[in-house]
Amino acid sequence: MAWVTWRQHRHQLLIGLALIAALALAALVTGLPMRTAYQREALSSCLPPTARSGCDIIVRHFQSEFGNRVDIAGYLILLPALVGMFLGAPLLARELEHGTHRFAWTQSLTRRRWLLSKTLLLALAVVLGGAVLSAIVMWWRQPFDGLQGRMSPSGFEIQGLVVPAYALFALALGVLAGAALRRSLAAMSLTLAVFVAVRLAVANFLRPHYRSPEHETMAGLVPGAHARDWVLSNSLVDAVGRQITSGREDLAVLHAQQARIDPQEYLLSLGWRRALSFQPADRFWIFQAIEAGIFVALAAALLAATVWLLRRSPS
């Protein structure tokens, strides 16, 4: 079965391998100058709680020089979706669409064993590829992770344990879509839509609550105090804890300016404080394990649903 799987999917697997190799080369070419600048400017000495003089300017210059590269790397979030579209969706849809399933399922292998054997072999390749991609990104992002942390969605979703888990989920989703729709293009479109919807739902509604967020109220934000944490909310509150609306804050700042008073000092004189809700940076691997477990469980459920659907479908 391994030989048949390789023969049928070798083009997708080779393209995936070439893509990972190209990304590794790009990471090496763009990552080395970034690491050199990080060491040259001694940015490690600017990490909180260090209060090195001139850090604001140095960090801002580093981010302005290399920030565009980090923004572009955020598009790697789409790679697992491609696994589901071009590897998972055609797995069954192509067989059913062209009628070749009649030959494949009348051999010595049962349709259940045929499906599980091919899917598990492809899943192994997908997980290995996702793990390699995750390792490349973690090496490449290390300077920015040191400054900004890895908990924010832009860094969290393209490195760590979740990358192979996303790819595994996308593969299982594509296989189920192909079994249900029996058309490759329709299955690919459905895979992309559902994958994006599930990812957004988990990121916006589940991830912030994997563990209870921490809360802090302070007179003023220390520069970089929570730069590496995932800040969920950052708002002004009055002396009794009621949130200050943006309009009320603007009026207070305008009044301070008209009275030629420092706005920060004026807000403090009113008893206003800044209230933060955040997930600490040291929860990164805990959140990674939780989210990876969610998507692995979803992948297993999708594969079970595909087996059930395949057993109920006519030969």
Protein backbone atom coordinates (compact mmCIF):
# COMPACT_ATOMS: atom_id res chain seq x y z
CA MET A 1 0.00 0.00 0.00
CA ALA A 2 2.90 2.34 0.66
CA TRP A 3 4.08 1.96 -2.96
CA VAL A 4 0.59 2.65 -4.34
CA THR A 5 0.25 5.73 -2.13
CA TRP A 6 3.62 7.01 -3.27
CA ARG A 7 2.80 6.42 -6.94
CA GLN A 8 -0.54 8.21 -6.72
CA HIS A 9 0.59 11.16 -4.61
CA ARG A 10 4.27 11.51 -5.44
CA HIS A 11 3.74 14.78 -7.32
CA GLN A 12 2.01 16.47 -4.37
CA LEU A 13 4.59 15.11 -1.93
CA LEU A 14 7.53 16.21 -4.08
CA ILE A 15 6.03 19.68 -4.52
CA GLY A 16 5.57 19.89 -0.75
CA LEU A 17 9.17 18.81 -0.19
CA ALA A 18 10.40 21.40 -2.69
CA LEU A 19 8.31 24.08 -1.01
CA ILE A 20 9.79 23.29 2.41
CA ALA A 21 13.30 23.34 0.92
CA ALA A 22 12.61 26.73 -0.69
CA LEU A 23 11.26 28.11 2.59
CA ALA A 24 14.33 26.81 4.43
CA LEU A 25 16.60 28.57 1.94
CA ALA A 26 14.58 31.79 2.22
CA ALA A 27 14.72 31.57 6.02
CA LEU A 28 18.49 31.18 5.90
CA VAL A 29 18.99 34.10 3.51
CA THR A 30 16.69 36.48 5.38
CA GLY A 31 17.29 35.18 8.89
CA LEU A 32 21.05 35.54 9.08
CA PRO A 33 21.04 39.36 8.57
CA MET A 34 18.27 39.61 11.16
CA ARG A 35 20.27 37.64 13.71
CA THR A 36 23.41 39.64 12.93
CA ALA A 37 21.55 42.92 13.56
CA TYR A 38 20.04 41.51 16.76
CA GLN A 39 23.49 40.63 18.11
CA ARG A 40 25.16 43.80 16.83
CA GLU A 41 22.67 46.03 18.62
CA ALA A 42 22.74 43.81 21.73
CA LEU A 43 18.94 43.69 21.70
CA SER A 44 18.96 40.91 24.29
CA SER A 45 19.89 43.58 26.84
CA CYS A 46 16.67 45.45 25.99
CA LEU A 47 14.36 42.64 27.04
CA PRO A 48 12.14 43.34 30.07
CA PRO A 49 12.77 43.96 32.92
CA THR A 50 16.02 45.56 31.69
CA ALA A 51 15.82 49.34 31.46
CA ARG A 52 18.81 49.97 29.20
CA SER A 53 19.06 53.53 27.95
CA GLY A 54 18.01 54.06 24.33
CA CYS A 55 16.24 50.71 23.98
CA ASP A 56 13.08 52.30 22.55
CA ILE A 57 14.99 53.74 19.60
CA ILE A 58 17.04 50.58 19.02
CA VAL A 59 14.02 48.26 19.12
CA ARG A 60 11.96 50.57 16.91
CA HIS A 61 14.76 50.69 14.32
CA PHE A 62 15.10 46.89 14.34
CA GLN A 63 11.36 46.41 13.91
CA SER A 64 11.13 48.95 11.11
CA GLU A 65 14.02 47.25 9.28
CA PHE A 66 12.80 43.67 9.55
CA GLY A 67 9.11 43.97 10.44
CA ASN A 68 7.94 43.55 6.83
CA ARG A 69 9.59 40.13 6.69
CA VAL A 70 7.71 39.02 9.77
CA ASP A 71 4.44 40.28 8.29
CA ILE A 72 5.05 38.29 5.10
CA ALA A 73 5.88 35.17 7.14
CA GLY A 74 2.39 35.41 8.63
CA TYR A 75 1.02 34.08 5.32
CA LEU A 76 2.53 30.70 6.20
CA ILE A 77 -0.68 30.20 8.10
CA LEU A 78 -2.25 29.21 4.74
CA LEU A 79 0.08 26.26 4.09
CA PRO A 80 -1.91 23.70 6.13
CA ALA A 81 -5.02 24.64 4.13
CA LEU A 82 -3.14 23.72 0.94
CA VAL A 83 -2.51 20.26 2.39
CA GLY A 84 -6.24 19.71 2.76
CA MET A 85 -7.06 21.15 -0.65
CA PHE A 86 -4.46 19.43 -2.83
CA LEU A 87 -3.68 16.26 -0.87
CA GLY A 88 -6.74 15.45 1.22
CA ALA A 89 -9.65 16.51 -0.99
CA PRO A 90 -8.61 14.55 -4.12
CA LEU A 91 -7.81 11.39 -2.15
CA LEU A 92 -11.34 9.99 -2.37
CA ALA A 93 -13.00 12.54 -4.65
CA ARG A 94 -10.74 11.70 -7.59
CA GLU A 95 -11.39 7.96 -7.22
CA LEU A 96 -15.15 8.48 -6.97
CA GLU A 97 -15.23 11.09 -9.72
CA HIS A 98 -13.36 8.94 -12.25
CA GLY A 99 -14.92 5.65 -11.18
CA THR A 100 -11.55 4.04 -10.36
CA HIS A 101 -12.86 3.16 -6.89
CA ARG A 102 -14.64 0.18 -8.45
CA PHE A 103 -11.27 -1.35 -9.28
CA ALA A 104 -9.48 -0.30 -6.08
CA TRP A 105 -12.20 -1.63 -3.77
CA THR A 106 -12.60 -5.00 -5.46
CA GLN A 107 -9.03 -6.04 -4.68
CA SER A 108 -7.90 -7.95 -1.60
CA LEU A 109 -8.05 -4.78 0.53
CA THR A 110 -11.37 -3.65 1.96
CA ARG A 111 -12.42 -0.07 1.33
CA ARG A 112 -11.95 0.66 5.04
CA ARG A 113 -8.41 -0.67 5.08
CA TRP A 114 -7.67 1.07 1.77
CA LEU A 115 -8.79 4.42 3.19
CA LEU A 116 -7.02 4.05 6.53
CA SER A 117 -3.77 2.83 4.99
CA LYS A 118 -3.51 5.68 2.51
CA THR A 119 -4.68 8.35 4.94
CA LEU A 120 -2.33 7.28 7.73
CA LEU A 121 0.66 7.13 5.39
CA LEU A 122 -0.11 10.61 4.08
CA ALA A 123 -0.75 11.81 7.63
CA LEU A 124 2.72 10.66 8.64
CA ALA A 125 4.28 12.60 5.77
CA VAL A 126 2.17 15.68 6.58
CA VAL A 127 3.08 15.65 10.28
CA LEU A 128 6.79 15.29 9.50
CA GLY A 129 6.60 18.14 6.99
CA GLY A 130 4.70 20.33 9.45
CA ALA A 131 7.25 19.63 12.18
CA VAL A 132 10.14 20.59 9.88
CA LEU A 133 8.34 23.77 8.81
CA SER A 134 7.66 24.66 12.44
CA ALA A 135 11.32 24.18 13.35
CA ILE A 136 12.40 26.44 10.46
CA VAL A 137 10.02 29.20 11.52
CA MET A 138 11.03 28.97 15.18
CA TRP A 139 14.69 29.38 14.23
CA TRP A 140 13.90 32.27 11.88
CA ARG A 141 11.60 34.16 14.27
CA GLN A 142 13.85 33.82 17.31
CA PRO A 143 15.01 37.49 17.34
CA PHE A 144 11.45 38.81 17.06
CA ASP A 145 10.14 36.23 19.53
CA GLY A 146 12.68 37.53 22.01
CA LEU A 147 11.29 41.05 21.65
CA GLN A 148 7.58 40.44 21.05
CA GLY A 149 7.01 36.96 22.45
CA ARG A 150 5.26 34.05 20.75
CA MET A 151 1.82 34.28 22.32
CA SER A 152 0.26 36.74 19.89
CA PRO A 153 -1.67 35.05 17.03
CA SER A 154 0.85 36.19 14.39
CA GLY A 155 3.59 34.17 16.07
CA PHE A 156 1.60 31.47 17.81
CA GLU A 157 -0.03 30.01 14.69
CA ILE A 158 3.04 29.47 12.50
CA GLN A 159 5.35 27.66 14.91
CA GLY A 160 5.33 25.03 17.61
CA LEU A 161 3.10 21.97 17.92
CA VAL A 162 0.08 23.51 16.23
CA VAL A 163 1.60 23.57 12.73
CA PRO A 164 1.60 19.78 12.17
CA ALA A 165 -1.73 19.57 14.03
CA TYR A 166 -3.30 22.11 11.64
CA ALA A 167 -1.95 20.18 8.66
CA LEU A 168 -3.31 16.88 10.01
CA PHE A 169 -6.73 18.46 10.56
CA ALA A 170 -6.72 19.92 7.04
CA LEU A 171 -5.84 16.53 5.54
CA ALA A 172 -8.68 14.75 7.38
CA LEU A 173 -11.09 17.55 6.50
CA GLY A 174 -10.20 17.29 2.82
CA VAL A 175 -10.66 13.52 2.81
CA LEU A 176 -14.12 13.83 4.37
CA ALA A 177 -15.12 16.61 1.97
CA GLY A 178 -14.05 14.45 -0.97
CA ALA A 179 -16.04 11.47 0.32
CA ALA A 180 -19.15 13.59 0.84
CA LEU A 181 -19.11 15.69 -2.36
CA ARG A 182 -17.40 13.21 -4.74
CA ARG A 183 -16.06 16.13 -6.81
CA SER A 184 -12.49 17.34 -6.44
CA LEU A 185 -13.04 21.05 -7.06
CA ALA A 186 -16.09 21.22 -4.82
CA ALA A 187 -14.26 19.32 -2.08
CA MET A 188 -11.26 21.65 -2.32
CA SER A 189 -13.47 24.74 -1.99
CA LEU A 190 -15.36 23.29 0.97
CA THR A 191 -12.10 22.27 2.66
CA LEU A 192 -10.71 25.80 2.44
CA ALA A 193 -13.92 27.41 3.72
CA VAL A 194 -14.37 25.05 6.68
CA PHE A 195 -10.67 25.12 7.57
CA VAL A 196 -10.63 28.91 7.76
CA ALA A 197 -13.90 29.00 9.72
CA VAL A 198 -12.71 26.47 12.31
CA ARG A 199 -9.33 28.15 12.70
CA LEU A 200 -10.95 31.55 13.28
CA ALA A 201 -13.46 30.11 15.72
CA VAL A 202 -10.76 28.41 17.79
CA ALA A 203 -8.48 31.47 17.74
CA ASN A 204 -11.19 33.96 18.71
CA PHE A 205 -13.43 31.99 21.05
CA LEU A 206 -11.44 29.11 22.55
CA ARG A 207 -7.77 30.07 22.70
CA PRO A 208 -8.19 33.15 24.95
CA HIS A 209 -9.82 30.88 27.53
CA TYR A 210 -7.53 27.84 27.59
CA ARG A 211 -6.51 29.21 30.96
CA SER A 212 -7.99 32.09 32.90
CA PRO A 213 -6.27 35.32 31.82
CA GLU A 214 -4.37 37.40 34.34
CA HIS A 215 -5.50 40.91 35.22
CA GLU A 216 -3.46 43.90 36.28
CA THR A 217 -4.30 47.49 37.13
CA MET A 218 -1.55 50.09 37.09
CA ALA A 219 -1.07 53.82 37.14
CA GLY A 220 0.77 53.77 33.81
CA LEU A 221 2.24 51.26 31.45
CA VAL A 222 5.95 50.64 31.84
CA PRO A 223 7.48 50.56 28.31
CA GLY A 224 7.75 46.93 27.23
CA ALA A 225 6.22 45.60 30.46
CA HIS A 226 3.86 43.28 28.59
CA ALA A 227 5.50 43.30 25.17
CA ARG A 228 5.92 39.51 25.16
CA ASP A 229 2.49 38.69 26.61
CA TRP A 230 -0.74 38.28 24.66
CA VAL A 231 -2.73 41.33 25.74
CA LEU A 232 -6.46 40.57 25.42
CA SER A 233 -7.74 43.94 26.59
CA ASN A 234 -6.17 47.26 27.53
CA SER A 235 -8.51 49.96 28.78
CA LEU A 236 -8.80 52.87 31.19
CA VAL A 237 -10.95 52.47 34.31
CA ASP A 238 -11.97 54.97 36.95
CA ALA A 239 -11.44 54.73 40.71
CA VAL A 240 -14.33 52.25 41.13
CA GLY A 241 -13.34 50.08 38.18
CA ARG A 242 -15.78 51.33 35.54
CA GLN A 243 -14.39 51.41 32.01
CA ILE A 244 -13.71 54.83 30.54
CA THR A 245 -15.11 55.31 27.05
CA SER A 246 -12.84 56.63 24.31
CA GLY A 247 -14.96 59.78 24.01
CA ARG A 248 -14.62 60.51 27.71
CA GLU A 249 -10.87 59.92 27.53
CA ASP A 250 -10.55 62.30 24.56
CA LEU A 251 -12.42 65.01 26.43
CA ALA A 252 -10.16 64.61 29.47
CA VAL A 253 -7.02 64.82 27.33
CA LEU A 254 -8.40 67.90 25.56
CA HIS A 255 -9.16 69.54 28.90
CA ALA A 256 -5.62 68.82 30.12
CA GLN A 257 -4.13 70.33 26.98
CA GLN A 258 -6.24 73.44 27.27
CA ALA A 259 -5.17 73.81 30.91
CA ARG A 260 -1.56 73.16 29.88
CA ILE A 261 -1.35 70.13 32.14
CA ASP A 262 0.42 66.90 31.29
CA PRO A 263 -2.42 64.52 30.15
CA GLN A 264 -0.94 61.52 31.97
CA GLU A 265 -0.68 63.42 35.25
CA TYR A 266 -4.19 64.77 34.82
CA LEU A 267 -5.65 61.30 34.24
CA LEU A 268 -3.85 60.04 37.33
CA SER A 269 -5.23 62.96 39.35
CA LEU A 270 -8.73 61.83 38.35
CA GLY A 271 -8.01 58.41 39.82
CA TRP A 272 -8.03 56.72 36.44
CA ARG A 273 -5.91 53.61 35.98
CA ARG A 274 -5.05 51.28 33.12
CA ALA A 275 -6.56 47.79 33.38
CA LEU A 276 -5.00 44.94 31.43
CA SER A 277 -6.17 41.40 30.76
CA PHE A 278 -3.47 39.18 29.29
CA GLN A 279 -2.11 35.68 28.81
CA PRO A 280 1.51 35.51 30.03
CA ALA A 281 4.28 34.58 27.62
CA ASP A 282 5.31 31.54 29.71
CA ARG A 283 2.02 29.80 28.81
CA PHE A 284 3.11 29.35 25.20
CA TRP A 285 3.80 25.61 25.31
CA ILE A 286 0.73 24.91 27.45
CA PHE A 287 -1.47 26.68 24.91
CA GLN A 288 0.36 24.94 22.06
CA ALA A 289 -0.33 21.52 23.57
CA ILE A 290 -3.99 22.32 24.19
CA GLU A 291 -4.63 23.64 20.69
CA ALA A 292 -2.67 20.87 19.01
CA GLY A 293 -4.72 18.35 21.00
CA ILE A 294 -7.95 19.99 19.84
CA PHE A 295 -7.02 19.76 16.16
CA VAL A 296 -5.68 16.21 16.43
CA ALA A 297 -8.95 15.18 18.09
CA LEU A 298 -10.91 16.92 15.32
CA ALA A 299 -8.82 15.10 12.71
CA ALA A 300 -9.54 11.75 14.35
CA ALA A 301 -13.26 12.55 14.45
CA LEU A 302 -13.26 13.56 10.78
CA LEU A 303 -11.46 10.37 9.79
CA ALA A 304 -13.97 8.29 11.76
CA ALA A 305 -16.81 10.12 10.00
CA THR A 306 -15.19 9.38 6.63
CA VAL A 307 -14.94 5.66 7.43
CA TRP A 308 -18.60 5.64 8.47
CA LEU A 309 -19.65 7.47 5.31
CA LEU A 310 -17.60 5.18 3.12
CA ARG A 311 -19.13 2.05 4.63
CA ARG A 312 -22.64 3.37 3.98
CA SER A 313 -21.96 4.45 0.39
CA PRO A 314 -22.65 2.00 -2.47
CA SER A 315 -19.72 0.25 -4.12
